[in-house]
Amino acid sequence: MSDWLVSLEGTDAGHRLAMGLALWAAFTHALFGALQKGRHDPWLSRAAIDASYALMALPMALFLVPWPEPHLWPILAGAFVIHAGYKLAQAATYSRGAYTVVYPVVRGTAPLFTVLGAGVLLGEHFTPGQWLGVAILVTGIWGFAAYNYRTLTLGRDTLAPALLLAVLTGGFVALYSTYDAFGIRATADPFTFLAWFFLIDGVFMPVWTWRRWRLLPSSAIPALALRGLVGAVVAWASFGTFMLATRLDKVGEAAVLRETSTLFAALIGWLMLGEGVGPRRLGLMILIAAGAAVVKLAG
């Protein structure tokens, strides 16, 4: 499969597959958001997910993929540091702000920073039409944050620092998106990077949150362990496919399509959770979809 995937790089078929993978990453990311909505301590939730996907990666890294090339080890170390910063910022954001407000801010900040970072670090450039699409998409996502803020009744006292942390988290999303694209392109077999990334990355949060685990009631462990297992599967499906998309095609385009996760989250809330849509939310959903379409068509 690795040889087939690598053979598609730089081809029209590879471009189409990359776009499909990015949209799948958006959908699975939104699905995970609907599953996690406010049920557990965000620090322990992240630790449970990371431990689970590290255990899944262990046999793959040791037995199924080629061993990392020597130059890949410092790249993996850099990815570990960047993702540790992202997780700390994300958990701090979700601990202080309402999920429905801070999540769109994170996702709305990330594509703009990612496109800029890909231009500086990877030499990718957007056309004026694509920049227009980014502006439309970011406006729609931030519109969701503003709309949800208007209806917020609890947690307003900590919302200001939460919004600042959400912007910081969006910056980390952009940083890891660009850096990981560099990493997965630096090895002959993209699945080598994926397997070792998930294995190494899964160590940090379980160790960081060790004291919190000791205070957790034993009755809460089964539900959190299940959450970790489900979240790990979704992480592989979402983040893994996104990294493969950045191997095949432009990071900026993949990042923009991934941020349609806000649109999918709204659709899931409507179809699965019984949340109302209304004309304003429907208009914002159309705006996000239009922005992604403009980026794709203007490329």
Protein backbone atom coordinates (compact mmCIF):
# COMPACT_ATOMS: atom_id res chain seq x y z
CA MET A 1 0.00 0.00 0.00
CA SER A 2 2.87 2.38 0.74
CA ASP A 3 4.29 2.00 -2.77
CA TRP A 4 0.87 2.66 -4.30
CA LEU A 5 0.36 5.74 -2.15
CA VAL A 6 3.78 7.16 -2.94
CA SER A 7 3.20 6.56 -6.66
CA LEU A 8 0.23 8.96 -6.52
CA GLU A 9 2.27 11.94 -5.32
CA GLY A 10 2.06 14.86 -7.73
CA THR A 11 -0.66 13.25 -9.88
CA ASP A 12 -4.28 14.21 -10.49
CA ALA A 13 -5.36 10.98 -8.78
CA GLY A 14 -3.22 11.88 -5.77
CA HIS A 15 -4.79 15.35 -5.64
CA ARG A 16 -8.30 13.89 -5.65
CA LEU A 17 -7.39 11.32 -3.01
CA ALA A 18 -5.81 14.02 -0.82
CA MET A 19 -8.98 16.11 -0.97
CA GLY A 20 -11.08 13.08 -0.08
CA LEU A 21 -8.82 12.23 2.85
CA ALA A 22 -8.98 15.83 4.12
CA LEU A 23 -12.79 15.81 4.02
CA TRP A 24 -12.84 12.46 5.81
CA ALA A 25 -10.52 13.95 8.46
CA ALA A 26 -12.96 16.85 8.87
CA PHE A 27 -15.94 14.54 9.30
CA THR A 28 -14.25 12.24 11.81
CA HIS A 29 -12.92 15.20 13.78
CA ALA A 30 -16.44 16.63 14.04
CA LEU A 31 -17.80 13.23 15.04
CA PHE A 32 -15.29 13.04 17.85
CA GLY A 33 -16.29 16.51 18.99
CA ALA A 34 -19.92 15.39 19.26
CA LEU A 35 -18.91 12.29 21.25
CA GLN A 36 -16.68 14.16 23.72
CA LYS A 37 -18.89 17.18 24.36
CA GLY A 38 -18.37 18.07 28.03
CA ARG A 39 -18.46 14.58 29.55
CA HIS A 40 -15.01 14.22 31.14
CA ASP A 41 -12.06 16.17 32.45
CA PRO A 42 -10.34 17.30 29.20
CA TRP A 43 -6.89 16.54 30.63
CA LEU A 44 -7.75 12.94 31.49
CA SER A 45 -9.74 12.50 28.30
CA ARG A 46 -6.74 13.44 26.22
CA ALA A 47 -4.50 11.16 28.28
CA ALA A 48 -6.85 8.21 27.80
CA ILE A 49 -6.97 8.79 24.04
CA ASP A 50 -3.21 9.15 23.74
CA ALA A 51 -2.47 6.02 25.75
CA SER A 52 -4.91 4.07 23.60
CA TYR A 53 -3.52 5.17 20.25
CA ALA A 54 0.05 4.58 21.44
CA LEU A 55 -0.84 0.98 22.32
CA MET A 56 -2.45 0.59 18.88
CA ALA A 57 0.69 1.95 17.22
CA LEU A 58 3.13 -0.26 19.14
CA PRO A 59 2.83 -3.49 17.09
CA MET A 60 2.62 -1.51 13.85
CA ALA A 61 5.82 0.41 14.65
CA LEU A 62 7.78 -2.63 15.79
CA PHE A 63 6.67 -5.25 13.28
CA LEU A 64 4.76 -3.87 10.29
CA VAL A 65 6.61 -0.81 8.94
CA PRO A 66 10.26 -0.18 8.05
CA TRP A 67 12.47 1.17 10.82
CA PRO A 68 12.80 5.02 10.77
CA GLU A 69 15.78 6.42 8.90
CA PRO A 70 18.40 8.14 11.13
CA HIS A 71 17.38 11.63 10.03
CA LEU A 72 13.75 10.94 11.02
CA TRP A 73 14.43 10.64 14.77
CA PRO A 74 15.09 14.37 15.38
CA ILE A 75 12.03 15.19 13.26
CA LEU A 76 9.91 12.92 15.45
CA ALA A 77 11.39 14.59 18.54
CA GLY A 78 10.37 17.99 17.19
CA ALA A 79 6.85 16.71 16.51
CA PHE A 80 6.66 15.43 20.09
CA VAL A 81 7.51 18.89 21.49
CA ILE A 82 5.06 20.74 19.21
CA HIS A 83 2.19 18.37 19.95
CA ALA A 84 2.88 18.54 23.69
CA GLY A 85 2.46 22.30 23.51
CA TYR A 86 -0.72 21.89 21.47
CA LYS A 87 -2.27 19.48 23.96
CA LEU A 88 -1.49 21.68 26.93
CA ALA A 89 -3.01 24.69 25.18
CA GLN A 90 -6.05 22.71 24.05
CA ALA A 91 -6.80 21.24 27.48
CA ALA A 92 -6.37 24.66 29.10
CA THR A 93 -8.76 26.16 26.53
CA TYR A 94 -11.47 23.55 27.03
CA SER A 95 -11.10 23.81 30.81
CA ARG A 96 -11.89 27.53 30.76
CA GLY A 97 -14.34 28.07 27.90
CA ALA A 98 -17.57 26.64 26.53
CA TYR A 99 -16.78 24.05 23.88
CA THR A 100 -19.27 25.46 21.37
CA VAL A 101 -17.55 28.87 21.54
CA VAL A 102 -13.84 28.02 21.76
CA TYR A 103 -13.88 25.10 19.28
CA PRO A 104 -14.84 27.30 16.29
CA VAL A 105 -12.21 29.84 17.32
CA VAL A 106 -9.51 27.14 17.29
CA ARG A 107 -10.67 25.77 13.95
CA GLY A 108 -11.15 29.23 12.45
CA THR A 109 -7.67 30.39 13.42
CA ALA A 110 -5.84 27.27 12.25
CA PRO A 111 -6.35 27.38 8.44
CA LEU A 112 -5.20 30.99 8.13
CA PHE A 113 -2.00 30.29 10.08
CA THR A 114 -1.46 27.00 8.23
CA VAL A 115 -1.68 28.59 4.78
CA LEU A 116 0.79 31.27 5.88
CA GLY A 117 3.13 28.67 7.43
CA ALA A 118 3.02 26.41 4.38
CA GLY A 119 3.95 29.39 2.21
CA VAL A 120 6.98 30.25 4.37
CA LEU A 121 8.23 26.75 5.24
CA LEU A 122 7.14 24.59 2.29
CA GLY A 123 7.02 27.10 -0.55
CA GLU A 124 3.29 26.64 -1.20
CA HIS A 125 1.36 29.63 -2.47
CA PHE A 126 -2.35 30.38 -2.76
CA THR A 127 -3.92 32.30 -5.63
CA PRO A 128 -5.92 35.48 -4.86
CA GLY A 129 -9.10 33.46 -5.44
CA GLN A 130 -8.00 30.87 -2.89
CA TRP A 131 -7.26 33.59 -0.34
CA LEU A 132 -10.80 34.83 -0.90
CA GLY A 133 -12.03 31.32 -0.15
CA VAL A 134 -9.99 31.21 3.07
CA ALA A 135 -11.49 34.54 4.13
CA ILE A 136 -15.02 33.27 3.45
CA LEU A 137 -14.43 30.03 5.37
CA VAL A 138 -12.78 31.73 8.36
CA THR A 139 -15.62 34.27 8.49
CA GLY A 140 -18.17 31.46 8.62
CA ILE A 141 -16.34 29.57 11.36
CA TRP A 142 -15.83 32.64 13.52
CA GLY A 143 -19.48 33.45 12.89
CA PHE A 144 -20.36 30.19 14.62
CA ALA A 145 -18.26 31.25 17.62
CA ALA A 146 -20.02 34.63 17.77
CA TYR A 147 -23.45 33.02 17.41
CA ASN A 148 -22.75 30.49 20.17
CA TYR A 149 -21.34 33.25 22.38
CA ARG A 150 -24.61 35.19 22.16
CA THR A 151 -26.53 32.22 23.56
CA LEU A 152 -23.98 31.39 26.27
CA THR A 153 -25.30 31.69 29.82
CA LEU A 154 -22.61 29.92 31.89
CA GLY A 155 -18.84 30.37 32.02
CA ARG A 156 -18.65 33.96 30.80
CA ASP A 157 -16.26 34.90 33.63
CA THR A 158 -13.46 32.74 32.20
CA LEU A 159 -14.28 33.25 28.53
CA ALA A 160 -11.75 36.05 27.82
CA PRO A 161 -8.67 33.95 28.72
CA ALA A 162 -10.30 30.95 27.05
CA LEU A 163 -10.58 32.84 23.75
CA LEU A 164 -6.92 33.90 23.94
CA LEU A 165 -5.95 30.30 24.60
CA ALA A 166 -8.16 29.19 21.69
CA VAL A 167 -6.21 31.46 19.32
CA LEU A 168 -2.95 30.05 20.74
CA THR A 169 -4.27 26.52 20.22
CA GLY A 170 -5.18 27.38 16.64
CA GLY A 171 -1.60 28.55 16.15
CA PHE A 172 -0.34 25.20 17.44
CA VAL A 173 -2.71 23.39 15.04
CA ALA A 174 -1.19 25.34 12.17
CA LEU A 175 2.34 24.66 13.40
CA TYR A 176 1.90 20.92 13.76
CA SER A 177 0.01 20.69 10.45
CA THR A 178 2.94 22.25 8.61
CA TYR A 179 5.66 20.49 10.58
CA ASP A 180 4.05 17.06 10.32
CA ALA A 181 3.67 17.53 6.57
CA PHE A 182 7.42 18.12 6.46
CA GLY A 183 7.98 15.02 8.61
CA ILE A 184 5.81 12.61 6.64
CA ARG A 185 7.48 13.77 3.43
CA ALA A 186 10.95 13.15 4.91
CA THR A 187 10.63 9.35 4.99
CA ALA A 188 10.33 6.84 2.18
CA ASP A 189 7.37 5.08 3.81
CA PRO A 190 4.68 7.46 5.13
CA PHE A 191 3.31 4.76 7.44
CA THR A 192 6.67 4.64 9.24
CA PHE A 193 6.17 8.26 10.28
CA LEU A 194 2.53 7.63 11.25
CA ALA A 195 3.25 4.57 13.38
CA TRP A 196 6.21 6.06 15.24
CA PHE A 197 4.52 9.42 15.62
CA PHE A 198 1.46 7.92 17.32
CA LEU A 199 3.66 5.71 19.52
CA ILE A 200 5.94 8.53 20.68
CA ASP A 201 3.23 11.19 20.88
CA GLY A 202 1.02 8.98 23.06
CA VAL A 203 3.47 9.03 25.97
CA PHE A 204 3.28 12.68 27.04
CA MET A 205 -0.26 13.19 28.35
CA PRO A 206 -0.55 9.99 30.45
CA VAL A 207 2.68 10.96 32.23
CA TRP A 208 1.73 14.65 32.55
CA THR A 209 -1.66 13.84 34.10
CA TRP A 210 -0.46 11.11 36.46
CA ARG A 211 -1.51 12.98 39.61
CA ARG A 212 -5.00 13.58 38.20
CA TRP A 213 -5.40 9.86 37.57
CA ARG A 214 -4.63 9.13 41.20
CA LEU A 215 -7.55 11.36 42.28
CA LEU A 216 -10.02 9.83 39.82
CA PRO A 217 -12.75 7.63 41.40
CA SER A 218 -12.43 4.02 40.30
CA SER A 219 -16.05 4.05 39.14
CA ALA A 220 -15.18 6.63 36.46
CA ILE A 221 -12.35 4.61 34.90
CA PRO A 222 -14.39 2.25 32.65
CA ALA A 223 -16.25 5.10 30.91
CA LEU A 224 -13.05 7.07 30.46
CA ALA A 225 -11.21 4.01 29.13
CA LEU A 226 -13.99 3.46 26.58
CA ARG A 227 -13.78 7.11 25.64
CA GLY A 228 -10.04 6.69 25.14
CA LEU A 229 -10.51 3.68 22.89
CA VAL A 230 -13.14 5.36 20.72
CA GLY A 231 -11.11 8.56 20.61
CA ALA A 232 -7.97 6.67 19.57
CA VAL A 233 -9.76 5.05 16.63
CA VAL A 234 -11.08 8.45 15.57
CA ALA A 235 -7.61 10.00 15.99
CA TRP A 236 -6.13 7.44 13.61
CA ALA A 237 -9.00 7.98 11.18
CA SER A 238 -8.85 11.77 11.38
CA PHE A 239 -5.29 12.86 12.06
CA GLY A 240 -3.71 9.91 10.26
CA THR A 241 -5.67 10.53 7.06
CA PHE A 242 -4.94 14.25 7.23
CA MET A 243 -1.19 13.61 7.38
CA LEU A 244 -1.46 11.27 4.40
CA ALA A 245 -3.31 14.02 2.54
CA THR A 246 -0.42 16.43 3.21
CA ARG A 247 1.99 13.86 1.80
CA LEU A 248 0.02 13.66 -1.42
CA ASP A 249 -0.84 17.31 -2.03
CA LYS A 250 -0.70 20.89 -0.73
CA VAL A 251 -0.86 21.34 3.03
CA GLY A 252 -2.83 24.57 2.79
CA GLU A 253 -5.65 23.10 0.70
CA ALA A 254 -5.90 20.04 2.95
CA ALA A 255 -5.98 22.27 6.04
CA VAL A 256 -8.80 24.40 4.65
CA LEU A 257 -10.89 21.35 3.79
CA ARG A 258 -10.24 19.84 7.23
CA GLU A 259 -11.63 22.93 8.92
CA THR A 260 -15.01 22.18 7.39
CA SER A 261 -15.22 20.01 10.52
CA THR A 262 -17.20 22.92 12.01
CA LEU A 263 -19.78 22.44 9.27
CA PHE A 264 -19.92 18.69 9.90
CA ALA A 265 -20.21 19.34 13.64
CA ALA A 266 -23.27 21.50 13.05
CA LEU A 267 -24.80 18.85 10.79
CA ILE A 268 -24.15 16.12 13.37
CA GLY A 269 -25.70 18.29 16.07
CA TRP A 270 -28.79 18.71 13.90
CA LEU A 271 -29.16 15.12 12.67
CA MET A 272 -27.94 13.14 15.71
CA LEU A 273 -28.33 15.42 18.73
CA GLY A 274 -31.58 17.14 17.79
CA GLU A 275 -30.08 20.63 17.88
CA GLY A 276 -31.96 23.28 15.92
CA VAL A 277 -30.35 24.86 12.87
CA GLY A 278 -32.28 28.06 12.15
CA PRO A 279 -31.62 30.55 9.37
CA ARG A 280 -28.46 32.06 10.91
CA ARG A 281 -26.73 28.74 11.50
CA LEU A 282 -27.80 27.52 8.07
CA GLY A 283 -26.34 30.66 6.50
CA LEU A 284 -23.04 30.16 8.33
CA MET A 285 -22.92 26.51 7.24
CA ILE A 286 -23.40 27.57 3.63
CA LEU A 287 -20.65 30.20 4.06
CA ILE A 288 -18.16 27.59 5.31
CA ALA A 289 -18.98 25.21 2.47
CA ALA A 290 -18.73 28.05 -0.04
CA GLY A 291 -15.30 29.06 1.29
CA ALA A 292 -13.96 25.52 0.95
CA ALA A 293 -15.41 25.26 -2.55
CA VAL A 294 -13.77 28.54 -3.62
CA VAL A 295 -10.37 27.35 -2.34
CA LYS A 296 -10.75 24.12 -4.29
CA LEU A 297 -12.02 25.69 -7.52
CA ALA A 298 -9.58 28.62 -7.53
CA GLY A 299 -6.55 26.36 -7.12
